[in-house]
Amino acid sequence: MHPAPLRRKHDAGATLELLSASEDGGFLSLSGKVSAQVGPSDDRGRTIDLSAARKLELNFSGVIGSLDN
C-alpha cells in the first residue's frame, strides 16, 4: 500500500507527487514520484507526437543538507 501524497501538482502534462518530507538536524528528506506521457519528437521537443504515447514514471528520494554555515 502506498501512502497518500502530501502534494500533487499537474503542469505541462506531468504529475508530481510529494509522498514524504521531513526535517531532522538541519537535513531535509524528500521522496516522491513524477509521472508523464512521453512520445517522439522530430524537432528537438518543440512538438511531441502523443498518438503513441508511453507512460514514464520516476521515483525519487534524497536528503538535502543545510546551505548555512
Protein backbone atom coordinates (compact mmCIF):
# COMPACT_ATOMS: atom_id res chain seq x y z
CA MET A 1 0.00 0.00 0.00
CA HIS A 2 1.32 3.43 -0.97
CA PRO A 3 0.96 6.42 1.35
CA ALA A 4 -1.37 9.21 0.26
CA PRO A 5 0.52 12.02 -1.48
CA LEU A 6 1.27 15.15 0.53
CA ARG A 7 1.09 17.29 -2.59
CA ARG A 8 0.14 16.62 -6.18
CA LYS A 9 0.90 19.11 -8.97
CA HIS A 10 -0.22 18.84 -12.60
CA ASP A 11 1.61 21.08 -15.06
CA ALA A 12 2.60 20.59 -18.70
CA GLY A 13 1.11 17.11 -18.71
CA ALA A 14 3.21 15.83 -15.80
CA THR A 15 2.20 14.92 -12.26
CA LEU A 16 4.50 15.48 -9.29
CA GLU A 17 3.59 13.68 -6.06
CA LEU A 18 5.50 14.51 -2.89
CA LEU A 19 4.97 11.39 -0.76
CA SER A 20 7.05 12.34 2.26
CA ALA A 21 9.00 15.28 3.63
CA SER A 22 10.77 15.55 6.96
CA GLU A 23 13.48 17.60 8.62
CA ASP A 24 15.99 16.30 11.13
CA GLY A 25 19.09 18.06 12.39
CA GLY A 26 19.17 20.58 9.55
CA PHE A 27 18.65 17.95 6.84
CA LEU A 28 15.56 17.79 4.62
CA SER A 29 14.46 14.35 3.41
CA LEU A 30 12.09 14.13 0.43
CA SER A 31 10.55 11.29 -1.55
CA GLY A 32 8.00 11.18 -4.31
CA LYS A 33 7.33 10.41 -7.92
CA VAL A 34 6.86 12.13 -11.27
CA SER A 35 4.52 10.67 -13.90
CA ALA A 36 4.07 11.82 -17.50
CA GLN A 37 3.15 10.72 -21.00
CA VAL A 38 6.06 10.88 -23.46
CA GLY A 39 6.33 10.47 -27.21
CA PRO A 40 8.68 11.00 -30.14
CA SER A 41 9.67 14.42 -31.47
CA ASP A 42 11.19 15.31 -34.83
CA ASP A 43 12.08 18.88 -33.81
CA ARG A 44 14.01 18.51 -30.55
CA GLY A 45 10.95 18.68 -28.33
CA ARG A 46 9.09 21.68 -29.75
CA THR A 47 6.26 19.35 -30.74
CA ILE A 48 5.68 15.89 -29.32
CA ASP A 49 3.64 13.17 -31.00
CA LEU A 50 1.39 11.72 -28.29
CA SER A 51 -0.58 9.48 -30.68
CA ALA A 52 1.58 6.57 -29.48
CA ALA A 53 2.38 7.95 -26.02
CA ARG A 54 4.17 5.88 -23.42
CA LYS A 55 3.91 6.32 -19.67
CA LEU A 56 7.03 7.48 -17.84
CA GLU A 57 7.24 7.22 -14.06
CA LEU A 58 10.23 8.30 -11.97
CA ASN A 59 10.58 7.67 -8.25
CA PHE A 60 12.94 9.79 -6.18
CA SER A 61 14.24 10.13 -2.67
CA GLY A 62 17.03 12.20 -1.25
CA VAL A 63 18.44 14.22 1.58
CA ILE A 64 19.42 17.87 1.31
CA GLY A 65 21.80 19.39 3.85
CA SER A 66 21.69 22.93 5.12
CA LEU A 67 23.36 25.60 3.00
CA ASP A 68 24.00 27.75 6.10
CA ASN A 69 27.48 27.74 7.63
